[in-house]
Structures are given as C-alpha cells and as structure tokens.
N, C-alpha and C. Protein backbone atom coordinates (compact mmCIF):
# COMPACT_ATOMS: atom_id res chain seq x y z
N MET A 1 20.74 10.13 35.73
CA MET A 1 19.79 11.21 36.05
C MET A 1 19.34 11.14 37.50
N GLU A 2 19.03 9.91 37.96
CA GLU A 2 18.57 9.75 39.34
C GLU A 2 19.66 10.13 40.33
N ARG A 3 20.91 9.75 40.04
CA ARG A 3 22.02 10.11 40.92
C ARG A 3 22.20 11.62 40.97
N GLU A 4 22.05 12.28 39.82
CA GLU A 4 22.16 13.73 39.79
C GLU A 4 21.06 14.37 40.62
N ALA A 5 19.86 13.82 40.53
CA ALA A 5 18.74 14.34 41.31
C ALA A 5 18.99 14.16 42.81
N ILE A 6 19.49 12.99 43.20
CA ILE A 6 19.79 12.73 44.61
C ILE A 6 20.84 13.70 45.11
N ASN A 7 21.89 13.92 44.33
CA ASN A 7 22.95 14.85 44.74
C ASN A 7 22.41 16.26 44.91
N TYR A 8 21.52 16.66 44.01
CA TYR A 8 20.93 18.00 44.10
C TYR A 8 20.05 18.11 45.34
N ILE A 9 19.22 17.11 45.57
CA ILE A 9 18.33 17.12 46.73
C ILE A 9 19.14 17.09 48.02
N LYS A 10 20.20 16.32 48.04
CA LYS A 10 21.06 16.26 49.22
C LYS A 10 21.66 17.63 49.51
N LYS A 11 21.99 18.36 48.48
CA LYS A 11 22.58 19.69 48.65
C LYS A 11 21.57 20.66 49.25
N ILE A 12 20.33 20.66 48.75
CA ILE A 12 19.36 21.65 49.24
C ILE A 12 18.79 21.26 50.61
N PHE A 13 18.77 19.98 50.94
CA PHE A 13 18.28 19.56 52.24
C PHE A 13 19.35 19.68 53.32
N GLY A 14 20.60 19.54 52.95
CA GLY A 14 21.67 19.63 53.94
C GLY A 14 21.54 18.56 55.01
N ARG A 15 21.56 18.98 56.28
CA ARG A 15 21.44 18.04 57.41
C ARG A 15 20.07 17.37 57.47
N ASN A 16 19.12 17.89 56.72
CA ASN A 16 17.78 17.30 56.70
C ASN A 16 17.67 16.14 55.71
N PHE A 17 18.76 15.80 55.08
CA PHE A 17 18.78 14.66 54.15
C PHE A 17 19.43 13.47 54.84
N ILE A 18 18.71 12.35 54.89
CA ILE A 18 19.26 11.12 55.47
C ILE A 18 19.09 10.01 54.45
N GLY A 19 20.15 9.81 53.67
CA GLY A 19 20.16 8.78 52.65
C GLY A 19 20.97 7.59 53.09
N ILE A 20 21.43 6.80 52.14
CA ILE A 20 22.12 5.57 52.47
C ILE A 20 23.42 5.81 53.22
N ASP A 21 24.16 6.87 52.85
CA ASP A 21 25.42 7.16 53.55
C ASP A 21 25.17 7.54 55.00
N GLU A 22 24.19 8.41 55.21
CA GLU A 22 23.87 8.86 56.56
C GLU A 22 23.31 7.72 57.41
N LEU A 23 22.53 6.85 56.79
CA LEU A 23 21.98 5.70 57.51
C LEU A 23 23.06 4.71 57.91
N GLY A 24 24.18 4.74 57.20
CA GLY A 24 25.26 3.82 57.50
C GLY A 24 25.74 3.92 58.94
N LEU A 25 25.68 5.12 59.51
CA LEU A 25 26.10 5.32 60.90
C LEU A 25 25.15 4.60 61.85
N LEU A 26 23.85 4.67 61.55
CA LEU A 26 22.85 3.96 62.36
C LEU A 26 23.01 2.46 62.21
N PHE A 27 23.11 2.00 60.97
CA PHE A 27 23.19 0.56 60.73
C PHE A 27 24.45 -0.05 61.34
N SER A 28 25.54 0.70 61.30
CA SER A 28 26.78 0.24 61.92
C SER A 28 26.59 0.06 63.42
N ARG A 29 25.92 1.03 64.03
CA ARG A 29 25.66 0.95 65.47
C ARG A 29 24.76 -0.24 65.80
N MET A 30 23.89 -0.62 64.85
CA MET A 30 22.98 -1.74 65.05
C MET A 30 23.61 -3.07 64.67
N GLY A 31 24.85 -3.04 64.20
CA GLY A 31 25.53 -4.26 63.80
C GLY A 31 25.05 -4.83 62.49
N LEU A 32 24.55 -3.95 61.60
CA LEU A 32 24.02 -4.37 60.30
C LEU A 32 24.88 -3.79 59.19
N SER A 33 25.02 -4.52 58.10
CA SER A 33 25.93 -4.09 57.04
C SER A 33 25.29 -3.11 56.06
N GLY A 34 24.11 -3.42 55.58
CA GLY A 34 23.46 -2.54 54.60
C GLY A 34 24.11 -2.57 53.23
N ILE A 35 24.94 -3.57 52.96
CA ILE A 35 25.70 -3.63 51.71
C ILE A 35 24.80 -3.84 50.50
N ASP A 36 23.78 -4.66 50.63
CA ASP A 36 22.96 -5.05 49.47
C ASP A 36 21.69 -4.22 49.32
N ILE A 37 21.63 -3.06 49.93
CA ILE A 37 20.42 -2.23 49.85
C ILE A 37 20.28 -1.64 48.46
N VAL A 38 19.11 -1.82 47.87
CA VAL A 38 18.79 -1.21 46.58
C VAL A 38 18.07 0.11 46.86
N ILE A 39 18.64 1.20 46.40
CA ILE A 39 18.07 2.51 46.68
C ILE A 39 16.92 2.79 45.71
N PRO A 40 15.72 3.02 46.22
CA PRO A 40 14.57 3.27 45.33
C PRO A 40 14.64 4.66 44.71
N GLU A 41 13.91 4.84 43.63
CA GLU A 41 13.83 6.15 43.01
C GLU A 41 13.06 7.11 43.92
N LEU A 42 13.32 8.39 43.75
CA LEU A 42 12.59 9.39 44.51
C LEU A 42 11.10 9.33 44.18
N ASN A 43 10.28 9.29 45.20
CA ASN A 43 8.83 9.23 44.99
C ASN A 43 8.15 10.58 45.22
N TYR A 44 8.95 11.64 45.22
CA TYR A 44 8.45 13.01 45.29
C TYR A 44 9.01 13.78 44.11
N SER A 45 8.28 14.77 43.66
CA SER A 45 8.78 15.61 42.57
C SER A 45 9.86 16.54 43.09
N ILE A 46 10.72 16.99 42.21
CA ILE A 46 11.77 17.93 42.59
C ILE A 46 11.14 19.20 43.16
N GLU A 47 10.04 19.65 42.57
CA GLU A 47 9.37 20.86 43.04
C GLU A 47 8.86 20.69 44.47
N GLU A 48 8.29 19.54 44.76
CA GLU A 48 7.79 19.29 46.11
C GLU A 48 8.93 19.24 47.12
N LEU A 49 10.02 18.62 46.74
CA LEU A 49 11.17 18.53 47.63
C LEU A 49 11.80 19.89 47.87
N GLU A 50 11.88 20.70 46.85
CA GLU A 50 12.41 22.06 47.01
C GLU A 50 11.55 22.86 47.98
N LYS A 51 10.26 22.66 47.91
CA LYS A 51 9.31 23.39 48.76
C LYS A 51 9.48 23.04 50.23
N HIS A 52 9.83 21.78 50.52
CA HIS A 52 9.86 21.31 51.90
C HIS A 52 11.27 21.11 52.46
N ALA A 53 12.28 21.53 51.76
CA ALA A 53 13.66 21.24 52.16
C ALA A 53 14.07 21.84 53.49
N LYS A 54 13.47 22.94 53.89
CA LYS A 54 13.87 23.62 55.13
C LYS A 54 13.16 23.08 56.37
N GLU A 55 11.96 22.55 56.20
CA GLU A 55 11.16 22.17 57.36
C GLU A 55 10.96 20.66 57.53
N TYR A 56 11.36 19.90 56.55
CA TYR A 56 11.15 18.45 56.59
C TYR A 56 12.49 17.71 56.49
N ILE A 57 12.49 16.50 57.02
CA ILE A 57 13.60 15.57 56.82
C ILE A 57 13.20 14.62 55.69
N LEU A 58 14.09 14.45 54.73
CA LEU A 58 13.90 13.44 53.69
C LEU A 58 14.75 12.25 54.07
N ILE A 59 14.10 11.13 54.34
CA ILE A 59 14.83 9.96 54.83
C ILE A 59 14.48 8.73 54.01
N LEU A 60 15.49 7.93 53.76
CA LEU A 60 15.32 6.68 53.02
C LEU A 60 14.81 5.60 53.96
N GLY A 61 13.62 5.09 53.69
CA GLY A 61 13.06 4.02 54.50
C GLY A 61 13.55 2.66 54.04
N ILE A 62 13.92 1.83 55.00
CA ILE A 62 14.38 0.46 54.72
C ILE A 62 13.59 -0.49 55.61
N SER A 63 13.02 -1.53 55.02
CA SER A 63 12.20 -2.45 55.81
C SER A 63 13.03 -3.50 56.55
N GLU A 64 14.10 -3.98 55.92
CA GLU A 64 14.95 -4.96 56.58
C GLU A 64 16.35 -4.97 55.98
N ILE A 65 17.29 -5.43 56.78
CA ILE A 65 18.69 -5.56 56.36
C ILE A 65 19.22 -6.88 56.90
N ASP A 66 19.97 -7.59 56.08
CA ASP A 66 20.57 -8.86 56.52
C ASP A 66 19.50 -9.79 57.12
N ASN A 67 18.31 -9.81 56.50
CA ASN A 67 17.18 -10.61 56.98
C ASN A 67 16.70 -10.20 58.38
N THR A 68 17.05 -8.98 58.77
CA THR A 68 16.61 -8.43 60.05
C THR A 68 15.58 -7.34 59.80
N LYS A 69 14.36 -7.54 60.28
CA LYS A 69 13.31 -6.54 60.11
C LYS A 69 13.58 -5.34 61.01
N LEU A 70 13.54 -4.16 60.42
CA LEU A 70 13.81 -2.94 61.18
C LEU A 70 12.51 -2.44 61.81
N SER A 71 12.10 -3.12 62.84
CA SER A 71 10.86 -2.81 63.55
C SER A 71 11.17 -2.11 64.87
N LEU A 72 10.14 -1.60 65.52
CA LEU A 72 10.32 -1.03 66.85
C LEU A 72 10.88 -2.07 67.81
N ARG A 73 10.45 -3.30 67.65
CA ARG A 73 10.95 -4.37 68.52
C ARG A 73 12.47 -4.52 68.38
N LYS A 74 12.95 -4.49 67.14
CA LYS A 74 14.39 -4.64 66.91
C LYS A 74 15.15 -3.43 67.45
N PHE A 75 14.63 -2.23 67.22
CA PHE A 75 15.28 -1.03 67.74
C PHE A 75 15.37 -1.09 69.27
N ARG A 76 14.29 -1.48 69.91
CA ARG A 76 14.28 -1.57 71.37
C ARG A 76 15.25 -2.63 71.86
N GLU A 77 15.31 -3.74 71.15
CA GLU A 77 16.22 -4.83 71.51
C GLU A 77 17.67 -4.36 71.45
N ILE A 78 18.00 -3.55 70.45
CA ILE A 78 19.39 -3.12 70.26
C ILE A 78 19.75 -1.95 71.19
N PHE A 79 18.88 -0.96 71.28
CA PHE A 79 19.22 0.25 72.03
C PHE A 79 18.82 0.19 73.50
N GLY A 80 17.99 -0.78 73.86
CA GLY A 80 17.70 -1.00 75.26
C GLY A 80 16.85 0.07 75.91
N ILE A 81 16.78 -0.01 77.25
CA ILE A 81 15.89 0.85 78.02
C ILE A 81 16.59 1.52 79.20
N ASP A 82 17.90 1.60 79.14
CA ASP A 82 18.65 2.20 80.26
C ASP A 82 19.62 3.25 79.72
N SER A 83 19.32 4.52 79.98
CA SER A 83 20.16 5.61 79.47
C SER A 83 21.53 5.65 80.15
N ASN A 84 21.70 4.91 81.23
CA ASN A 84 23.01 4.83 81.86
C ASN A 84 23.93 3.86 81.13
N VAL A 85 23.34 3.04 80.26
CA VAL A 85 24.11 2.04 79.52
C VAL A 85 24.31 2.46 78.07
N VAL A 86 23.22 2.88 77.41
CA VAL A 86 23.27 3.26 76.00
C VAL A 86 22.49 4.55 75.79
N LYS A 87 23.07 5.45 75.02
CA LYS A 87 22.37 6.68 74.61
C LYS A 87 22.50 6.83 73.11
N PRO A 88 21.36 7.10 72.43
CA PRO A 88 20.00 7.16 72.97
C PRO A 88 19.43 5.77 73.17
N CYS A 89 18.35 5.71 73.93
CA CYS A 89 17.70 4.43 74.21
C CYS A 89 16.19 4.66 74.24
N PHE A 90 15.46 3.62 74.61
CA PHE A 90 14.02 3.73 74.78
C PHE A 90 13.71 3.95 76.26
N TYR A 91 12.59 4.62 76.50
CA TYR A 91 12.11 4.77 77.87
C TYR A 91 11.64 3.39 78.36
N ASN A 92 11.87 3.11 79.63
CA ASN A 92 11.60 1.78 80.19
C ASN A 92 10.10 1.53 80.34
N GLN A 93 9.52 0.88 79.35
CA GLN A 93 8.11 0.48 79.35
C GLN A 93 8.00 -0.91 78.72
N ASP A 94 6.96 -1.63 79.08
CA ASP A 94 6.78 -2.94 78.45
C ASP A 94 5.33 -3.21 78.06
N TRP A 95 4.44 -2.25 78.22
CA TRP A 95 3.02 -2.49 77.96
C TRP A 95 2.75 -2.87 76.51
N TYR A 96 3.62 -2.45 75.60
CA TYR A 96 3.36 -2.60 74.16
C TYR A 96 4.01 -3.84 73.54
N LEU A 97 4.65 -4.67 74.33
CA LEU A 97 5.45 -5.75 73.77
C LEU A 97 4.64 -6.79 72.99
N LYS A 98 3.34 -6.88 73.24
CA LYS A 98 2.50 -7.82 72.50
C LYS A 98 1.63 -7.14 71.46
N GLU A 99 1.85 -5.84 71.24
CA GLU A 99 1.04 -5.09 70.28
C GLU A 99 1.57 -5.29 68.86
N GLU A 100 0.68 -5.34 67.89
CA GLU A 100 1.06 -5.60 66.50
C GLU A 100 1.94 -4.50 65.92
N PHE A 101 1.70 -3.25 66.32
CA PHE A 101 2.47 -2.16 65.71
C PHE A 101 3.95 -2.24 66.04
N LEU A 102 4.32 -3.00 67.07
CA LEU A 102 5.72 -3.12 67.44
C LEU A 102 6.53 -3.85 66.37
N ASP A 103 5.86 -4.65 65.54
CA ASP A 103 6.55 -5.41 64.50
C ASP A 103 6.34 -4.82 63.11
N ARG A 104 5.71 -3.67 63.04
CA ARG A 104 5.52 -2.99 61.76
C ARG A 104 6.86 -2.47 61.24
N THR A 105 7.04 -2.49 59.94
CA THR A 105 8.27 -1.96 59.33
C THR A 105 7.91 -0.90 58.29
N LEU A 106 8.91 -0.15 57.87
CA LEU A 106 8.72 0.82 56.81
C LEU A 106 8.69 0.13 55.46
N GLU A 107 8.25 0.85 54.45
CA GLU A 107 8.40 0.39 53.08
C GLU A 107 9.75 0.88 52.57
N ASN A 108 10.25 0.22 51.52
CA ASN A 108 11.51 0.66 50.92
C ASN A 108 11.24 1.83 49.99
N THR A 109 11.15 3.00 50.59
CA THR A 109 10.83 4.21 49.83
C THR A 109 11.34 5.42 50.60
N TRP A 110 11.18 6.60 50.00
CA TRP A 110 11.60 7.84 50.66
C TRP A 110 10.42 8.42 51.44
N TYR A 111 10.73 9.03 52.58
CA TYR A 111 9.71 9.65 53.42
C TYR A 111 10.07 11.10 53.69
N LEU A 112 9.07 11.96 53.66
CA LEU A 112 9.21 13.34 54.12
C LEU A 112 8.50 13.44 55.47
N ILE A 113 9.23 13.80 56.50
CA ILE A 113 8.65 13.88 57.84
C ILE A 113 9.03 15.22 58.47
N LYS A 114 8.05 15.88 59.05
CA LYS A 114 8.24 17.21 59.62
C LYS A 114 9.26 17.17 60.74
N LYS A 115 10.21 18.11 60.69
CA LYS A 115 11.28 18.13 61.68
C LYS A 115 10.83 18.73 63.01
N GLU A 116 10.05 19.79 62.96
CA GLU A 116 9.54 20.44 64.16
C GLU A 116 8.03 20.21 64.25
N VAL A 117 7.52 20.25 65.47
CA VAL A 117 6.08 20.05 65.65
C VAL A 117 5.31 21.24 65.08
N LEU A 118 4.08 20.99 64.66
CA LEU A 118 3.20 22.06 64.20
C LEU A 118 2.80 22.90 65.41
N GLU A 119 3.07 24.19 65.35
CA GLU A 119 2.86 25.05 66.51
C GLU A 119 1.41 25.07 66.97
N ASN A 120 0.48 24.96 66.04
CA ASN A 120 -0.94 25.02 66.42
C ASN A 120 -1.51 23.66 66.80
N SER A 121 -0.61 22.68 67.03
CA SER A 121 -1.08 21.33 67.36
C SER A 121 -0.92 20.99 68.83
N HIS A 122 -0.30 21.88 69.61
CA HIS A 122 -0.08 21.60 71.02
C HIS A 122 -1.40 21.43 71.77
N SER A 123 -1.49 20.35 72.54
CA SER A 123 -2.65 20.07 73.41
C SER A 123 -3.96 19.88 72.64
N ILE A 124 -3.87 19.56 71.36
CA ILE A 124 -5.07 19.33 70.55
C ILE A 124 -5.29 17.82 70.42
N PRO A 125 -6.49 17.32 70.76
CA PRO A 125 -6.76 15.89 70.63
C PRO A 125 -6.55 15.41 69.20
N PRO A 126 -6.10 14.18 69.03
CA PRO A 126 -5.76 13.69 67.68
C PRO A 126 -6.92 13.71 66.70
N GLU A 127 -8.13 13.46 67.18
CA GLU A 127 -9.27 13.42 66.26
C GLU A 127 -9.52 14.78 65.60
N PHE A 128 -9.22 15.86 66.32
CA PHE A 128 -9.39 17.18 65.75
C PHE A 128 -8.29 17.49 64.73
N LEU A 129 -7.09 17.00 64.99
CA LEU A 129 -5.99 17.20 64.05
C LEU A 129 -6.25 16.43 62.76
N LEU A 130 -6.78 15.23 62.88
CA LEU A 130 -7.09 14.44 61.69
C LEU A 130 -8.16 15.10 60.84
N GLU A 131 -9.07 15.82 61.48
CA GLU A 131 -10.10 16.54 60.74
C GLU A 131 -9.52 17.67 59.91
N GLN A 132 -8.31 18.11 60.26
CA GLN A 132 -7.61 19.16 59.52
C GLN A 132 -6.72 18.58 58.42
N ASN A 133 -6.92 17.30 58.14
CA ASN A 133 -6.17 16.60 57.09
C ASN A 133 -4.67 16.51 57.38
N ILE A 134 -4.33 16.50 58.67
CA ILE A 134 -2.94 16.26 59.05
C ILE A 134 -2.68 14.76 58.96
N CYS A 135 -1.58 14.39 58.35
CA CYS A 135 -1.24 12.98 58.13
C CYS A 135 -0.24 12.54 59.20
N PHE A 136 -0.69 11.69 60.12
CA PHE A 136 0.19 11.22 61.19
C PHE A 136 1.21 10.22 60.65
N PRO A 137 2.45 10.27 61.14
CA PRO A 137 3.45 9.26 60.77
C PRO A 137 3.24 7.98 61.57
N SER A 138 3.86 6.91 61.13
CA SER A 138 3.83 5.68 61.92
C SER A 138 4.84 5.79 63.06
N ALA A 139 4.64 5.00 64.09
CA ALA A 139 5.57 5.01 65.22
C ALA A 139 6.95 4.54 64.79
N ILE A 140 7.02 3.57 63.90
CA ILE A 140 8.32 3.09 63.44
C ILE A 140 9.03 4.16 62.62
N LEU A 141 8.30 4.94 61.83
CA LEU A 141 8.94 6.01 61.07
C LEU A 141 9.53 7.05 62.02
N CYS A 142 8.80 7.37 63.08
CA CYS A 142 9.31 8.34 64.06
C CYS A 142 10.58 7.82 64.74
N ALA A 143 10.54 6.57 65.20
CA ALA A 143 11.70 6.01 65.89
C ALA A 143 12.89 5.86 64.94
N TYR A 144 12.65 5.35 63.77
CA TYR A 144 13.68 5.18 62.74
C TYR A 144 14.35 6.52 62.43
N THR A 145 13.54 7.56 62.25
CA THR A 145 14.07 8.89 61.95
C THR A 145 14.80 9.47 63.15
N PHE A 146 14.25 9.27 64.33
CA PHE A 146 14.86 9.77 65.55
C PHE A 146 16.28 9.23 65.72
N PHE A 147 16.43 7.92 65.63
CA PHE A 147 17.75 7.31 65.83
C PHE A 147 18.69 7.60 64.67
N ALA A 148 18.18 7.57 63.45
CA ALA A 148 19.02 7.87 62.29
C ALA A 148 19.54 9.30 62.35
N ASN A 149 18.67 10.23 62.70
CA ASN A 149 19.07 11.63 62.80
C ASN A 149 20.09 11.84 63.91
N TYR A 150 19.91 11.13 65.02
CA TYR A 150 20.86 11.27 66.12
C TYR A 150 22.27 10.87 65.68
N PHE A 151 22.40 9.73 65.04
CA PHE A 151 23.72 9.26 64.65
C PHE A 151 24.29 10.03 63.47
N ALA A 152 23.43 10.58 62.62
CA ALA A 152 23.91 11.37 61.49
C ALA A 152 24.28 12.79 61.89
N ASN A 153 23.51 13.37 62.82
CA ASN A 153 23.67 14.79 63.13
C ASN A 153 23.93 15.10 64.60
N ASN A 154 24.00 14.05 65.43
CA ASN A 154 24.21 14.24 66.87
C ASN A 154 23.18 15.21 67.45
N ASP A 155 21.93 14.97 67.10
CA ASP A 155 20.85 15.89 67.46
C ASP A 155 19.60 15.10 67.81
N PHE A 156 18.87 15.54 68.84
CA PHE A 156 17.64 14.87 69.26
C PHE A 156 16.43 15.53 68.61
N LEU A 157 15.63 14.75 67.93
CA LEU A 157 14.35 15.25 67.43
C LEU A 157 13.29 15.13 68.53
N TRP A 158 12.35 16.06 68.54
CA TRP A 158 11.19 16.01 69.43
C TRP A 158 11.62 15.74 70.88
N TYR A 159 12.63 16.49 71.30
CA TYR A 159 13.27 16.27 72.60
C TYR A 159 12.28 16.42 73.76
N ASN A 160 11.37 17.39 73.65
CA ASN A 160 10.43 17.65 74.73
C ASN A 160 8.97 17.51 74.30
N ASN A 161 8.73 16.89 73.16
CA ASN A 161 7.37 16.79 72.63
C ASN A 161 7.01 15.36 72.24
N PHE A 162 5.73 15.06 72.39
CA PHE A 162 5.19 13.79 71.90
C PHE A 162 4.61 14.00 70.50
N ILE A 163 4.66 12.96 69.68
CA ILE A 163 4.17 12.99 68.31
C ILE A 163 3.05 11.97 68.15
N TRP A 164 1.88 12.43 67.70
CA TRP A 164 0.79 11.50 67.41
C TRP A 164 1.16 10.60 66.23
N CYS A 165 0.77 9.34 66.32
CA CYS A 165 1.09 8.38 65.26
C CYS A 165 -0.19 7.80 64.65
N ASP A 166 -0.04 7.16 63.50
CA ASP A 166 -1.21 6.55 62.86
C ASP A 166 -1.49 5.14 63.39
N ASP A 167 -0.66 4.66 64.30
CA ASP A 167 -0.85 3.34 64.90
C ASP A 167 -1.86 3.40 66.04
N VAL A 168 -2.51 2.27 66.28
CA VAL A 168 -3.37 2.11 67.46
C VAL A 168 -3.06 0.76 68.10
N ASP A 169 -3.40 0.63 69.38
CA ASP A 169 -3.19 -0.65 70.05
C ASP A 169 -4.40 -1.56 69.82
N HIS A 170 -4.42 -2.70 70.49
CA HIS A 170 -5.49 -3.68 70.25
C HIS A 170 -6.86 -3.18 70.69
N ASN A 171 -6.89 -2.13 71.51
CA ASN A 171 -8.15 -1.54 71.93
C ASN A 171 -8.56 -0.36 71.05
N GLY A 172 -7.72 -0.03 70.08
CA GLY A 172 -8.01 1.11 69.22
C GLY A 172 -7.52 2.43 69.78
N ASP A 173 -6.72 2.39 70.85
CA ASP A 173 -6.19 3.62 71.44
C ASP A 173 -5.01 4.14 70.62
N ARG A 174 -4.99 5.43 70.40
CA ARG A 174 -3.98 6.08 69.57
C ARG A 174 -2.60 6.03 70.21
N ILE A 175 -1.58 5.74 69.41
CA ILE A 175 -0.19 5.71 69.88
C ILE A 175 0.45 7.07 69.68
N TYR A 176 1.26 7.48 70.65
CA TYR A 176 2.08 8.68 70.48
C TYR A 176 3.48 8.40 71.03
N VAL A 177 4.47 9.01 70.42
CA VAL A 177 5.86 8.68 70.75
C VAL A 177 6.71 9.95 70.86
N GLY A 178 7.95 9.76 71.31
CA GLY A 178 8.90 10.86 71.34
C GLY A 178 9.27 11.28 72.73
N LYS A 179 9.32 12.60 72.94
CA LYS A 179 9.69 13.23 74.21
C LYS A 179 10.81 12.47 74.91
N TYR A 180 12.00 12.59 74.35
CA TYR A 180 13.14 11.85 74.89
C TYR A 180 13.49 12.29 76.31
N HIS A 181 13.33 13.58 76.58
CA HIS A 181 13.80 14.13 77.86
C HIS A 181 12.64 14.65 78.70
N ASP A 182 12.66 14.32 79.98
CA ASP A 182 11.67 14.84 80.92
C ASP A 182 12.22 16.11 81.54
N ALA A 183 11.64 17.25 81.15
CA ALA A 183 12.14 18.55 81.61
C ALA A 183 12.05 18.70 83.13
N ASP A 184 11.14 17.95 83.77
CA ASP A 184 11.01 18.03 85.22
C ASP A 184 12.06 17.19 85.95
N GLY A 185 12.77 16.36 85.20
CA GLY A 185 13.83 15.56 85.80
C GLY A 185 13.33 14.40 86.65
N ILE A 186 12.06 14.04 86.51
CA ILE A 186 11.50 12.94 87.30
C ILE A 186 11.82 11.59 86.65
N ASN A 187 11.61 11.50 85.34
CA ASN A 187 11.82 10.25 84.62
C ASN A 187 13.16 10.24 83.89
N LYS A 188 13.69 9.05 83.69
CA LYS A 188 14.93 8.91 82.94
C LYS A 188 14.71 9.25 81.46
N ASP A 189 15.80 9.61 80.79
CA ASP A 189 15.72 9.87 79.35
C ASP A 189 15.38 8.58 78.61
N GLY A 190 14.72 8.74 77.47
CA GLY A 190 14.40 7.59 76.64
C GLY A 190 13.31 7.92 75.64
N PHE A 191 13.41 7.34 74.45
CA PHE A 191 12.38 7.51 73.44
C PHE A 191 11.12 6.80 73.93
N SER A 192 10.05 7.55 74.10
CA SER A 192 8.85 7.02 74.74
C SER A 192 7.81 6.53 73.74
N ILE A 193 7.06 5.52 74.16
CA ILE A 193 5.93 5.00 73.38
C ILE A 193 4.74 4.91 74.33
N HIS A 194 3.71 5.70 74.06
CA HIS A 194 2.53 5.73 74.93
C HIS A 194 1.26 5.52 74.11
N ARG A 195 0.15 5.40 74.81
CA ARG A 195 -1.16 5.29 74.15
C ARG A 195 -2.13 6.27 74.81
N TYR A 196 -2.99 6.82 73.99
CA TYR A 196 -3.98 7.80 74.41
C TYR A 196 -5.26 7.05 74.77
N LEU A 197 -5.45 6.83 76.06
CA LEU A 197 -6.53 5.97 76.52
C LEU A 197 -7.91 6.58 76.28
N THR A 198 -8.77 5.80 75.67
CA THR A 198 -10.15 6.20 75.43
C THR A 198 -11.01 5.78 76.61
N LEU A 199 -11.92 6.66 77.03
CA LEU A 199 -12.82 6.31 78.13
C LEU A 199 -13.75 5.19 77.71
N ARG A 200 -13.79 4.13 78.53
CA ARG A 200 -14.66 2.99 78.26
C ARG A 200 -15.50 2.67 79.49
N ASN A 201 -16.36 1.69 79.34
CA ASN A 201 -17.28 1.34 80.41
C ASN A 201 -16.56 0.88 81.67
N CYS A 202 -15.33 0.40 81.52
CA CYS A 202 -14.60 -0.11 82.68
C CYS A 202 -13.98 1.00 83.53
N TYR A 203 -14.03 2.24 83.05
CA TYR A 203 -13.50 3.36 83.83
C TYR A 203 -14.63 3.88 84.72
N CYS A 204 -14.48 3.69 86.02
CA CYS A 204 -15.56 3.98 86.96
C CYS A 204 -15.02 4.72 88.18
N SER A 205 -15.88 4.95 89.13
CA SER A 205 -15.49 5.65 90.35
C SER A 205 -16.08 4.96 91.56
N ILE A 206 -15.42 5.13 92.68
CA ILE A 206 -15.98 4.77 93.97
C ILE A 206 -15.95 6.04 94.82
N THR A 207 -16.44 5.94 96.01
CA THR A 207 -16.42 7.10 96.90
C THR A 207 -15.91 6.68 98.27
N VAL A 208 -15.40 7.64 99.00
CA VAL A 208 -14.97 7.39 100.38
C VAL A 208 -15.69 8.38 101.30
N ARG A 209 -15.82 8.01 102.58
CA ARG A 209 -16.49 8.89 103.56
C ARG A 209 -15.64 9.00 104.81
C-alpha cells in the first residue's frame, strides 16, 4: 500500500518529487552509497499532498549516510566555495564555521517545502512574517533541497532570492540562505548563508569635521 501511495504521489508531483531514486544523483556526487537507507512512511495525508503538488517540493529527508552526517558543514566540505572548480557550490564565507546550526541535520522523514518564494514576503522583516504563521525552513533543509533539486532536475532554486530560516546564530540573529546568483555580477555564484544583524549596544557612531 505504501509503495502504491509513493508511486501515485510521485506521478502527481512530477519534477517536484525528490525521493530515494532522485537523491541517488546527489549522494553519488557526494561519494555516498545510500544503499542501507530505510524509507519512512509518508507523514502527510494524500489529500494534503494532492493540494500542494504544484507549488511544493516533496523531498525525502535523510540525516546521515555511511556514518556521514548530512549537515551544512558536510555539504560545504564537498561542494566547496569556488564556482570555477565545482558547480553548484557555496558562496565564499567563513563567519558561520563555529555556529551550531552548521552541524544540524534533517530528520529521517518527508518534507514539503515551497518551491517559489511567497510573493507578498519580499522585503518583509522576518518577525512580521512569523506573525502571519509562516513556518520558516531550516538552513540545512534549504541547502539539502537546493543541491538535490539541482542534480535531479538541473535547475536552481531561489536563484535570485534569499530565504528566511528558523536557525539563529549564537547572538540570536536570524539566518537566511539562497540567492545563488548575483544579478549585478559583482559577487561570484554560490549558495549563500547570511545572518540578519540585530541592532545592539555595540553599534554606534562617530563624527568627522
């Protein structure tokens, strides 16, 4: 019954379905086998999946393979920070290397994640979006989906947009990720990880005469 349900869901989602077969392309690129992965049951109802099949990606989350944790740290280690060497890659930053969220992993379950940004969310501070009961994804879910979708569909998600995440850094500043391409051509391509700096007492001014 579960296999029949998966086959049906795969059919209605089309390219928006990323299951174990589609993930195989990503895992192969990462040098991981994925042979012993136990596929969890669907944690969404068929009705809910039918409702969201056109606008969401349904992706199988995996926390680790071959004793390798699938964290942002591991993705960055494998895909690097130089688009002249590997595509896709991460944008060249190192501020987050000691942050806890870099080692966060997914749960072994299915995730529904919006494929396109919410049109009414542009330039809106995260606290206002949260008041609208919008559920932010984790940074690892965004990166995992970004790379998996690229290798499965040869397509960039959130190419010119940043995505607010539910992660924060050690100061409590909100994390946002994405925007692989700089439309102005100033910065190199790369999956970006940034933080939304909160004004604190240490932010001050001087004057010149």
